């Protein structure tokens, strides 16, 4: 059944495109025509030490990709496809892979370990490979086995633990795995084995719950990890510290006895070890902070004095803070130029910020002497470190503690924007943005900005925005938070209004800089412009924003004329259009908030829509998602008059609804259908047949990302509300879909947080669909929904009893009960009489602290009361 495929695999890596394409085609054909033979041939290739490493490597990759995919739908399909193979074939392939772990070519053993784990992820949850763990452990326990076999076996154990759930192994197996792994970390083992073992322990820690509850076993594991953290080889030390980081978050509650040793280990690593090791040592303390911040949120006791946690950070504070401050002086020369750089100074500052959030005011006296000592030194590293330290501790301590300190520092920081060193200016701008984010909120009564210093603040920012791109980007952040602080401060005049024209001009000029396109500066400038517009006081700024509208429209028009000679040009055009459509959306939404300013959008609507349609025309197959969002805003602003654009716009909407590959585009398009339904009401009728067909097709598809499905149900409700009794012809299609989705909700894995969130979205959207349909039929044809009332009530009852429901689901459930009573009246009296849970549920909602929920529950109570008060 197997076929000689070495030549195909080698040719598939040929530099000659013709040879490569032919080989890829032959392999694909083999896979499609004879999957079992294809998988077996790949396994034989990988397991054969006589074959070239290049063909074995590719065989392993193709085999792995035949079993797993990032996309959950594809992954499920590949799992079923593997399990559909004959058990004897699967057994033969697994045997070959286990043998390959002992290959004299270590890369083949490494690849086999990965493939074994992928098969394990499919079979072990199905109880299909009960001998795997014992087979792997045999390699570890037999005498005189080569180090390469031990290394590959430990890698396999680690990968298997990474792939499967800790519920998939019984405790005896867990104990055996941990014993083998911890033994592999022994100092007598070869370096390659110790590293593989330490990495495997990292992946196995989730399985060790019972072992960590046992003091003797816990002591032994911690002793071995601590010893390994002092190994000769830096790679092994780093892997051991990675284990300690994971232990800090997973087993925080049992760490107390080990903390002195752990502080000693981490302090030594931070002070003198290689950067990779030192970074993990700092990460250990960041993890402890994360745990303690979270535990403070669950603080018990009325007095606020009782903490259910160990206060490790507080206890070690006088030693930890100086250690972290020291790291701030270890900057890289080019750290501001690269977005993804991560070094000791950045890790230390991040950890310092977490410490500040953990202990609050106590950190200030430990950090401020360092700031004062270094802020004016001639060495740029000292000035930058002092500024970074100051900016890092602004979240956590109280406003009372910070405000005098920040108020006196503000003038100094503004002057530091003229520092000779670019790193100092970069960090100063970041610190100013933190100050404006955390300590500038006039609406709550406190701000470091006053009418007296605002002019100077803005003068400095608008001058510094002309600096190098990385400094200018941080200045944009400062302007962003400065503007955001004035949001909602609309009682009377906004002090920012007189400066708006200058701010807007500076941001547009910044976005146009020729050195802005290669960094994030252009998007930072436009995002800041959006925030400035969004937070402005419309009664004062409408004229200023009205002047901005044609400027942005003109820029969007210019992007359509750009010469496109390459895919790179096309990408740049798309990115710029996305940013400009984003600004258009914000302007349209801002003007939509009052009737007077809506007129400005009405006057420009034809030209705006023409522009958006031209933006769509720039793409051949995909729909521009930002343009789609802006059109949704335009539909809301123009209401029924949006009808005149539908004929031309519809083809792009249809394209968006069929875009399964870029599911966010599909999701946004569904949202825009809702916007248009609300804008047009029954004028959307001519398009409903086609739209409903597409929505139903989307729901039926196994290829579409699940996150798009809840918005589709909500969209059913929007459409039913818009077209009222005309929705009748879709009921027989929509109801089975809604009832099927309700069944999916009942099968959701409550141990998977992501799925629980998805389940809540789905439940809420099903209720919204029912509410829209019931309200749409209320005035005529309400009886159409009578056969579905019983199912709806049962679904509400199931959801009400679900402990994982969120507030959004509860609100939607209460609302749909009211809509059912309102639309069907006395027809549902008997059903409500049988549903004892209703009164209990309403009682619970009426006691809620959420005002919106209380209001809805009161209305629903009235509607149900009316059902029982009507005779008949």
Foldseek 3Di string as FASTA:
>chain_A
DADQLLVLQVQCPDPDVVSNVVSVVVLVVCCVPPVLNSLLNLLVQLLDLVGDPSSNLSSLVVNQVLQADPDPLVNVVSLVVLVVDDLVSVVSSLVSLLNSLLHPPLVSLQSSLLSNLSNLLSQLVVVRCVCVLVSLLVLQPDPPRDLSSLLSSLLSLLSNLQRHALVSDDVVSLVSNLVSLLVQCDPVHDPSSNLSSLSSCLSSVNNCVVQCVDPVSVVSSVVSLLVQLPDPDPSSVLSSLSSLLVCCQPVVQSCVVVVVSLVVSLLCCLVDNDWSNNLSSLSSLLSNLVNLLVQLVVADDPVSPGGPHDPPCVVCVLPLLVSLLVQLLVDDPCVLVDDPDDTSNNSSLQSLLSSLQNPAPVCVVVLVVQLVVQCPDPDVSSNLSSLSNLLSNLHHHDCVSCVVVCLVCVVVLLVQCPPPDPSNLLSSLLSLLSQLQRFQAVVVPTHSDDLVCPVSLVVSLLVSLPPPQSSVLSSLSNLLSNLLNQAPVQPDADSCLVCVLVLLVSLVVQLPDPNCLVDVRNLSSLVSVLSNLLRHRCVRCLVVLLVVQVVLLVVLVVLLVDDDDDVVNLVSSLVSNLSSLQSLLSSLLSQLPDPVSLVSCVVCVVSLLVSLLSVQVSDDQAGRQSSLSSVLSSLLSQAQVCLVVCVSCVVNLLSQCPPQPPLVSNLSSLVSLLSNLRRNQQSCVVVVVVVLVSLLVLLPDSSHDLLSNLSSLLSLLSNLLRNQPVCLVCCVSNVVSLLVLLVVLVVFDPVDPVSLVSSQSNLLSSLSNLLSNLNSCQVHPNCSCLVVVLVLLVSLVVQLPDPSHDPSNLQSSLQSLQSNLNRCALSCLVVVVPRPVLVVSLVVQCPDPDPSSVVSSVSSVVSNVRSVVDDD
